Amino acid sequence: MSEQQLKLKDGQQYIYYKCACRASDNEELVCRLLKSRDSENGLEYYVQFMDCNSRVDDWYLASSIKPLSDEERISRDEQIRTFVDKPVEVRSINRLHFGGFVMDVWYYVPLTEELQHDDVYCCEFCLNFINNKRGYDRHLQKCTVREPPGTEIYRDDKIIFYEIDGQTQKRYCRNISYVARMFLQHKTLEIDVDIFNFYVMYAKLGDSYRLVGYFSKEKPLMMPSANILSCILTLPCYQSQGFGSILIDMSYMLASRDNLIGSPEKPLSDLGYMAFSRYWKHRIFEYLTEHDTNSISIADIVKYTNFTALDIQQTMRQENCLFPRKSGDFVFYVKDEQMSKFIESAERQEKKAWRIQDKYLHYFPCSLLGREYKGDLDRLVVWVKQLGY
């Protein structure tokens, strides 16, 4: 196939192709071609893969792209046609410079045209975006902001949390939403930030505190939400260090103060789902180790964790600890080896993980609603029984 045959015009796309995907050890995967450009190495195409997360979409040389065979086209035609209907989002920002780190951007983000460059710079203090290094360096010299424009609600020896009102701090909250959109595919950009509170987390790293992540939460305006958070992000440069677990821990700590039994807003990203699954498992098994009894109800675990009955049910199923009985209900059964494995893992984590403590939290829920959801377990028990307990 010649390069001329593959040339793309604006708004045009080609389907029925496969490409050697770098993220899958160069396995040839079904894709569509969305844009073309000339590079030093030859003609390149922006490739979107059908069976992969969009963060692996990228520019590929024509030599790595092939048309599907007739047999491949016929076998996957229906899936390909559905795939073609997906919105076209070509990532134009490829790197985010933030706090001394350079992070690869995973997804398209709708920043203004002047910021649509390979590299974009963001001040970690005021969250202003700049499109060139010279302007960024000049901004850092002049910027006097050293903390978020909100209320400090938590501080211990290592962690600080700020609560920021999206209604009064629109620019800051929109910009942190833009940062999140760079790394979260399912993130619906919260342009209407007025209805959200943002909880920004700083961690002490060396001699200074750095912004490592945040979560947002819908305000209980007319009707209270059952979501403990709407969006959660740990910056990629700080992932795999336990900060995601601290963010989740804080969201449930706030839910406890609100007397709220809740769950994160769905859908979760793949990484978000993994983080919550680990957290749910850890807290449930933690409860089981602290309550050595033959009779434990879902309602007991709900009181202890503020998790929904459904999240508890799904977590225990994934761990193969939930079994149906002939009577139609279910029973928990945790093997000794499962418990021993958890205890060993928990002891290792305890040595390196940082746990936030309720005594350092200065947060008071809105009293206008007078919510008592955590105490309203009669209704919850009925719901649990309807699930089969």
Protein backbone atom coordinates (compact mmCIF):
# COMPACT_ATOMS: atom_id res chain seq x y z
CA MET A 1 0.00 0.00 0.00
CA SER A 2 1.46 3.36 -0.97
CA GLU A 3 1.61 6.35 1.36
CA GLN A 4 -0.37 8.37 -1.18
CA GLN A 5 -3.31 5.98 -0.83
CA LEU A 6 -3.32 6.55 2.92
CA LYS A 7 -3.23 10.34 2.86
CA LEU A 8 -6.00 11.79 5.03
CA LYS A 9 -7.91 15.03 4.61
CA ASP A 10 -9.32 16.97 7.57
CA GLY A 11 -12.35 15.22 9.03
CA GLN A 12 -11.63 12.04 7.08
CA GLN A 13 -10.88 8.66 8.64
CA TYR A 14 -9.91 5.22 7.39
CA ILE A 15 -11.17 2.00 8.93
CA TYR A 16 -10.38 -1.71 8.45
CA TYR A 17 -6.73 -1.40 9.38
CA LYS A 18 -4.40 -2.95 11.92
CA CYS A 19 -1.28 -1.55 13.52
CA ALA A 20 1.62 -2.88 15.58
CA CYS A 21 0.68 -1.43 18.99
CA ARG A 22 3.66 -0.37 21.10
CA ALA A 23 1.70 -0.85 24.33
CA SER A 24 0.96 -4.50 23.44
CA ASP A 25 4.47 -5.65 22.52
CA ASN A 26 3.90 -4.68 18.88
CA GLU A 27 0.92 -7.00 18.50
CA GLU A 28 -1.11 -6.06 15.43
CA LEU A 29 -4.47 -4.70 16.62
CA VAL A 30 -7.54 -3.41 14.78
CA CYS A 31 -7.55 0.38 14.51
CA ARG A 32 -8.76 3.40 12.58
CA LEU A 33 -6.66 6.24 11.16
CA LEU A 34 -7.79 9.73 12.12
CA LYS A 35 -5.08 12.13 10.92
CA SER A 36 -1.89 12.14 8.86
CA ARG A 37 1.25 14.24 9.01
CA ASP A 38 4.76 14.34 7.56
CA SER A 39 7.63 13.68 9.97
CA GLU A 40 11.40 13.30 9.70
CA ASN A 41 10.95 9.52 9.47
CA GLY A 42 8.17 9.62 6.89
CA LEU A 43 4.38 9.74 6.80
CA GLU A 44 2.66 9.20 10.18
CA TYR A 45 -0.95 8.59 11.21
CA TYR A 46 -2.83 9.17 14.40
CA VAL A 47 -4.06 5.68 15.29
CA GLN A 48 -7.00 4.85 17.56
CA PHE A 49 -7.15 1.20 18.60
CA MET A 50 -10.47 -0.60 18.87
CA ASP A 51 -9.73 -2.91 21.81
CA CYS A 52 -7.44 -0.71 23.89
CA ASN A 53 -7.79 2.16 26.31
CA SER A 54 -7.50 5.48 24.47
CA ARG A 55 -4.33 6.39 26.36
CA VAL A 56 -2.37 4.13 23.96
CA ASP A 57 -3.60 6.06 20.89
CA ASP A 58 -0.65 7.76 19.23
CA TRP A 59 1.16 8.65 16.01
CA TYR A 60 2.54 5.66 14.06
CA LEU A 61 4.62 5.37 10.89
CA ALA A 62 2.88 4.10 7.77
CA SER A 63 5.21 1.09 7.76
CA SER A 64 3.57 -0.24 10.96
CA ILE A 65 0.03 -0.07 9.51
CA LYS A 66 -1.61 -2.72 7.32
CA PRO A 67 -5.09 -3.23 5.86
CA LEU A 68 -7.17 -6.02 7.36
CA SER A 69 -7.55 -9.17 5.34
CA ASP A 70 -10.98 -10.02 3.91
CA GLU A 71 -11.40 -12.70 6.55
CA GLU A 72 -10.51 -10.28 9.37
CA ARG A 73 -12.93 -7.67 8.03
CA ILE A 74 -15.83 -10.12 7.84
CA SER A 75 -15.23 -11.60 11.30
CA ARG A 76 -15.15 -8.22 13.05
CA ASP A 77 -17.25 -6.04 10.76
CA GLU A 78 -20.07 -5.39 13.26
CA GLN A 79 -17.64 -4.45 16.07
CA ILE A 80 -15.68 -2.19 13.73
CA ARG A 81 -18.79 -0.34 12.59
CA THR A 82 -19.74 0.31 16.23
CA PHE A 83 -16.17 1.44 16.91
CA VAL A 84 -16.30 3.93 14.02
CA ASP A 85 -19.26 5.70 15.66
CA LYS A 86 -17.11 6.65 18.66
CA PRO A 87 -16.33 10.39 18.91
CA VAL A 88 -13.08 11.41 17.28
CA GLU A 89 -10.69 12.88 19.85
CA VAL A 90 -7.15 13.41 18.63
CA ARG A 91 -4.78 14.17 21.47
CA SER A 92 -2.83 17.31 20.60
CA ILE A 93 -1.19 17.93 24.01
CA ASN A 94 1.35 15.18 24.65
CA ARG A 95 3.26 16.31 27.73
CA LEU A 96 2.36 18.18 30.91
CA HIS A 97 5.12 19.99 32.81
CA PHE A 98 4.07 20.23 36.44
CA GLY A 99 6.03 20.68 39.67
CA GLY A 100 9.36 19.66 38.17
CA PHE A 101 7.91 16.56 36.46
CA VAL A 102 7.15 15.89 32.81
CA MET A 103 4.12 13.61 32.46
CA ASP A 104 2.83 12.01 29.28
CA VAL A 105 -0.74 13.15 28.67
CA TRP A 106 -3.10 10.20 28.13
CA TYR A 107 -6.24 11.76 26.65
CA TYR A 108 -7.54 14.68 24.65
CA VAL A 109 -8.29 17.77 26.74
CA PRO A 110 -10.30 20.74 25.37
CA LEU A 111 -8.01 23.57 26.42
CA THR A 112 -8.00 26.76 24.35
CA GLU A 113 -6.36 26.73 20.91
CA GLU A 114 -3.31 28.68 22.14
CA LEU A 115 -2.54 25.84 24.57
CA GLN A 116 -2.87 23.02 22.02
CA HIS A 117 0.86 22.28 21.76
CA ASP A 118 2.93 19.14 22.29
CA ASP A 119 4.05 20.56 25.64
CA VAL A 120 1.91 22.54 28.06
CA TYR A 121 3.09 23.96 31.39
CA CYS A 122 1.03 24.27 34.57
CA CYS A 123 1.98 26.10 37.77
CA GLU A 124 1.50 23.68 40.66
CA PHE A 125 0.50 26.54 42.98
CA CYS A 126 -2.06 28.63 41.08
CA LEU A 127 -2.77 26.03 38.33
CA ASN A 128 -2.44 28.56 35.50
CA PHE A 129 -1.53 27.04 32.12
CA ILE A 130 1.29 28.42 29.94
CA ASN A 131 2.19 27.27 26.43
CA ASN A 132 5.97 27.78 26.46
CA LYS A 133 8.90 27.18 28.81
CA ARG A 134 10.16 30.75 28.79
CA GLY A 135 6.78 32.09 29.88
CA TYR A 136 6.50 29.30 32.45
CA ASP A 137 9.88 30.10 34.02
CA ARG A 138 8.96 33.78 34.14
CA HIS A 139 5.63 32.94 35.78
CA LEU A 140 7.32 30.82 38.48
CA GLN A 141 9.55 33.75 39.39
CA LYS A 142 6.57 36.09 39.84
CA CYS A 143 3.88 33.76 41.23
CA THR A 144 3.24 34.44 44.92
CA VAL A 145 0.61 31.72 45.47
CA ARG A 146 1.75 28.97 47.82
CA GLU A 147 -1.47 27.24 48.82
CA PRO A 148 -4.88 26.58 47.23
CA PRO A 149 -7.63 29.22 47.54
CA GLY A 150 -9.66 27.27 50.07
CA THR A 151 -10.05 26.18 53.68
CA GLU A 152 -7.58 23.84 55.33
CA ILE A 153 -9.63 20.96 56.78
CA TYR A 154 -6.90 18.45 57.63
CA ARG A 155 -3.25 18.58 58.67
CA ASP A 156 -0.95 16.02 60.20
CA ASP A 157 2.82 15.54 60.00
CA LYS A 158 2.71 14.59 56.32
CA ILE A 159 -0.68 15.31 54.73
CA ILE A 160 -2.75 18.48 54.23
CA PHE A 161 -6.23 18.68 52.70
CA TYR A 162 -7.93 21.86 51.47
CA GLU A 163 -11.63 22.23 50.72
CA ILE A 164 -12.25 24.55 47.76
CA ASP A 165 -15.67 25.81 46.72
CA GLY A 166 -16.19 25.58 42.96
CA GLN A 167 -18.63 28.48 43.06
CA THR A 168 -16.19 31.00 44.54
CA GLN A 169 -12.98 29.65 42.94
CA LYS A 170 -14.09 28.85 39.41
CA ARG A 171 -10.75 29.35 37.63
CA TYR A 172 -8.75 27.16 40.00
CA CYS A 173 -11.38 24.40 40.00
CA ARG A 174 -11.79 24.44 36.22
CA ASN A 175 -8.04 24.19 35.77
CA ILE A 176 -7.69 21.25 38.13
CA SER A 177 -10.52 19.61 36.18
CA TYR A 178 -8.53 20.15 32.98
CA VAL A 179 -5.53 18.46 34.59
CA ALA A 180 -7.74 15.52 35.57
CA ARG A 181 -9.11 15.25 32.03
CA MET A 182 -5.57 14.67 30.77
CA PHE A 183 -5.41 11.38 32.70
CA LEU A 184 -9.03 10.23 33.09
CA GLN A 185 -10.88 8.95 30.04
CA HIS A 186 -14.29 8.86 31.72
CA LYS A 187 -13.86 12.29 33.24
CA THR A 188 -16.72 14.60 32.27
CA LEU A 189 -15.13 18.02 32.41
CA GLU A 190 -16.69 19.95 35.27
CA ILE A 191 -17.03 23.30 33.50
CA ASP A 192 -20.04 23.94 35.74
CA VAL A 193 -17.87 23.71 38.84
CA ASP A 194 -20.32 25.69 40.99
CA ILE A 195 -22.07 22.55 42.26
CA PHE A 196 -18.87 20.84 43.40
CA ASN A 197 -16.46 21.08 46.29
CA PHE A 198 -12.87 20.13 45.55
CA TYR A 199 -10.63 18.43 48.12
CA VAL A 200 -6.99 18.99 47.20
CA MET A 201 -4.29 16.94 48.87
CA TYR A 202 -0.74 18.05 49.56
CA ALA A 203 1.95 15.66 50.82
CA LYS A 204 5.23 16.53 52.49
CA LEU A 205 7.99 15.32 50.18
CA GLY A 206 11.42 16.32 51.38
CA ASP A 207 11.31 19.83 52.79
CA SER A 208 8.21 21.02 50.94
CA TYR A 209 4.57 20.14 50.38
CA ARG A 210 3.53 19.12 46.86
CA LEU A 211 0.11 18.80 45.24
CA VAL A 212 -0.28 15.05 44.66
CA GLY A 213 -3.99 14.66 43.89
CA TYR A 214 -7.57 15.63 44.61
CA PHE A 215 -11.16 14.49 44.55
CA SER A 216 -14.35 16.42 43.88
CA LYS A 217 -17.72 15.96 45.51
CA GLU A 218 -21.14 17.24 44.54
CA LYS A 219 -22.65 19.65 47.01
CA PRO A 220 -25.87 18.52 48.75
CA LEU A 221 -27.95 21.36 47.31
CA MET A 222 -31.56 20.24 46.84
CA MET A 223 -31.20 16.49 47.28
CA PRO A 224 -28.25 14.77 48.97
CA SER A 225 -26.08 12.63 46.68
CA ALA A 226 -25.22 9.02 47.53
CA ASN A 227 -21.81 9.55 45.89
CA ILE A 228 -18.90 10.03 48.26
CA LEU A 229 -16.99 11.62 45.37
CA SER A 230 -17.45 12.55 41.73
CA CYS A 231 -13.89 12.46 40.43
CA ILE A 232 -10.58 11.31 41.91
CA LEU A 233 -7.06 11.78 40.60
CA THR A 234 -3.57 10.99 41.81
CA LEU A 235 -1.10 12.67 39.47
CA PRO A 236 0.82 10.01 37.49
CA CYS A 237 4.16 11.20 38.90
CA TYR A 238 2.92 10.30 42.41
CA GLN A 239 1.06 7.06 41.66
CA SER A 240 1.96 3.72 43.29
CA GLN A 241 3.00 5.53 46.49
CA GLY A 242 -0.20 5.03 48.51
CA PHE A 243 -1.64 8.51 47.89
CA GLY A 244 -4.71 7.16 46.08
CA SER A 245 -5.64 5.16 49.17
CA ILE A 246 -5.32 8.31 51.31
CA LEU A 247 -7.64 10.21 48.96
CA ILE A 248 -10.22 7.41 49.16
CA ASP A 249 -9.79 7.24 52.94
CA MET A 250 -10.53 10.96 53.21
CA SER A 251 -13.64 10.67 51.04
CA TYR A 252 -15.05 8.02 53.38
CA MET A 253 -13.97 9.99 56.44
CA LEU A 254 -16.02 12.93 55.17
CA ALA A 255 -18.91 10.55 54.46
CA SER A 256 -18.73 9.35 58.06
CA ARG A 257 -18.94 12.94 59.32
CA ASP A 258 -21.92 13.42 57.00
CA ASN A 259 -23.59 10.23 58.31
CA LEU A 260 -23.62 9.08 54.69
CA ILE A 261 -23.35 5.56 53.31
CA GLY A 262 -22.09 5.95 49.78
CA SER A 263 -20.03 4.91 46.79
CA PRO A 264 -17.93 6.71 44.16
CA GLU A 265 -19.73 8.05 41.12
CA LYS A 266 -19.73 5.60 38.23
CA PRO A 267 -18.22 4.81 35.85
CA LEU A 268 -14.78 4.60 37.41
CA SER A 269 -11.67 4.62 35.27
CA ASP A 270 -9.78 1.32 35.07
CA LEU A 271 -7.14 2.59 37.50
CA GLY A 272 -9.81 4.10 39.77
CA TYR A 273 -11.69 0.80 39.89
CA MET A 274 -8.51 -1.06 40.84
CA ALA A 275 -7.76 1.46 43.60
CA PHE A 276 -11.26 1.28 45.09
CA SER A 277 -11.34 -2.54 44.86
CA ARG A 278 -8.09 -2.76 46.81
CA TYR A 279 -9.36 -0.28 49.37
CA TRP A 280 -12.73 -2.04 49.83
CA LYS A 281 -11.01 -5.41 50.25
CA HIS A 282 -8.53 -4.04 52.77
CA ARG A 283 -11.17 -2.36 54.95
CA ILE A 284 -13.55 -5.34 54.87
CA PHE A 285 -10.82 -7.80 55.82
CA GLU A 286 -9.64 -5.33 58.45
CA TYR A 287 -13.12 -5.49 59.98
CA LEU A 288 -13.10 -9.30 59.89
CA THR A 289 -9.76 -9.48 61.71
CA GLU A 290 -10.95 -7.08 64.42
CA HIS A 291 -14.29 -8.85 64.97
CA ASP A 292 -13.60 -12.53 65.57
CA THR A 293 -17.13 -13.87 65.63
CA ASN A 294 -19.08 -16.49 63.73
CA SER A 295 -21.96 -14.14 62.95
CA ILE A 296 -21.30 -10.97 60.96
CA SER A 297 -23.95 -9.11 58.99
CA ILE A 298 -23.59 -6.78 56.03
CA ALA A 299 -25.11 -4.04 58.17
CA ASP A 300 -22.25 -4.44 60.68
CA ILE A 301 -19.67 -3.93 57.93
CA VAL A 302 -21.63 -0.97 56.55
CA LYS A 303 -21.56 0.73 59.97
CA TYR A 304 -17.81 0.19 60.23
CA THR A 305 -16.84 1.25 56.70
CA ASN A 306 -19.63 3.48 55.29
CA PHE A 307 -19.50 1.27 52.16
CA THR A 308 -22.74 0.41 50.40
CA ALA A 309 -24.05 -3.13 50.74
CA LEU A 310 -23.62 -3.59 46.99
CA ASP A 311 -19.92 -2.62 47.07
CA ILE A 312 -19.36 -5.07 49.94
CA GLN A 313 -21.23 -7.81 48.08
CA GLN A 314 -19.26 -7.33 44.85
CA THR A 315 -15.91 -7.16 46.65
CA MET A 316 -16.51 -10.41 48.53
CA ARG A 317 -17.62 -12.10 45.31
CA GLN A 318 -14.39 -11.05 43.61
CA GLU A 319 -12.45 -12.55 46.50
CA ASN A 320 -14.46 -15.79 46.23
CA CYS A 321 -15.76 -15.34 49.76
CA LEU A 322 -19.48 -15.14 48.96
CA PHE A 323 -21.42 -18.35 48.37
CA PRO A 324 -25.11 -19.05 47.59
CA ARG A 325 -27.10 -21.48 49.71
CA LYS A 326 -30.04 -23.69 48.77
CA SER A 327 -32.32 -21.48 50.84
CA GLY A 328 -31.68 -18.65 48.37
CA ASP A 329 -29.55 -16.47 50.64
CA PHE A 330 -25.77 -16.12 50.78
CA VAL A 331 -23.01 -16.79 53.28
CA PHE A 332 -19.54 -15.35 53.82
CA TYR A 333 -16.72 -17.84 54.09
CA VAL A 334 -13.12 -16.68 54.38
CA LYS A 335 -10.47 -19.39 54.32
CA ASP A 336 -7.69 -19.33 56.89
CA GLU A 337 -5.09 -18.98 54.13
CA GLN A 338 -6.92 -15.93 52.73
CA MET A 339 -6.97 -14.30 56.14
CA SER A 340 -3.31 -15.13 56.78
CA LYS A 341 -2.35 -13.68 53.41
CA PHE A 342 -4.27 -10.49 54.16
CA ILE A 343 -2.67 -10.11 57.61
CA GLU A 344 0.82 -10.49 56.10
CA SER A 345 0.00 -7.93 53.41
CA ALA A 346 -1.54 -5.53 55.95
CA GLU A 347 1.54 -5.75 58.17
CA ARG A 348 3.80 -4.89 55.22
CA GLN A 349 1.60 -1.96 54.25
CA GLU A 350 1.43 -0.71 57.83
CA LYS A 351 5.20 -0.23 57.84
CA LYS A 352 5.26 1.99 54.74
CA ALA A 353 1.72 3.35 54.36
CA TRP A 354 0.51 6.59 55.91
CA ARG A 355 -2.90 6.51 57.57
CA ILE A 356 -4.83 9.71 58.11
CA GLN A 357 -6.60 10.09 61.47
CA ASP A 358 -10.04 11.46 62.23
CA LYS A 359 -8.75 13.57 65.13
CA TYR A 360 -6.91 15.87 62.69
CA LEU A 361 -10.00 16.50 60.54
CA HIS A 362 -11.63 19.91 60.96
CA TYR A 363 -14.75 19.41 58.89
CA PHE A 364 -18.36 20.01 59.81
CA PRO A 365 -21.20 18.93 57.52
CA CYS A 366 -24.05 21.19 56.49
CA SER A 367 -26.66 20.93 59.25
CA LEU A 368 -29.57 22.19 57.14
CA LEU A 369 -30.41 18.75 55.84
CA GLY A 370 -30.19 16.95 59.17
CA ARG A 371 -29.17 13.70 57.49
CA GLU A 372 -29.11 10.50 59.52
CA TYR A 373 -28.37 7.93 56.84
CA LYS A 374 -25.73 6.06 58.77
CA GLY A 375 -28.13 5.52 61.63
CA ASP A 376 -31.08 4.58 59.44
CA LEU A 377 -30.18 0.90 59.28
CA ASP A 378 -33.72 -0.50 59.43
CA ARG A 379 -34.22 0.56 55.82
CA LEU A 380 -30.72 -0.63 54.95
CA VAL A 381 -31.26 -4.08 56.43
CA VAL A 382 -34.36 -4.51 54.26
CA TRP A 383 -32.28 -3.53 51.24
CA VAL A 384 -29.58 -6.02 52.21
CA LYS A 385 -32.18 -8.79 52.52
CA GLN A 386 -33.43 -7.94 49.05
CA LEU A 387 -29.92 -8.56 47.78
CA GLY A 388 -30.08 -12.01 49.29
CA TYR A 389 -28.81 -11.58 52.85
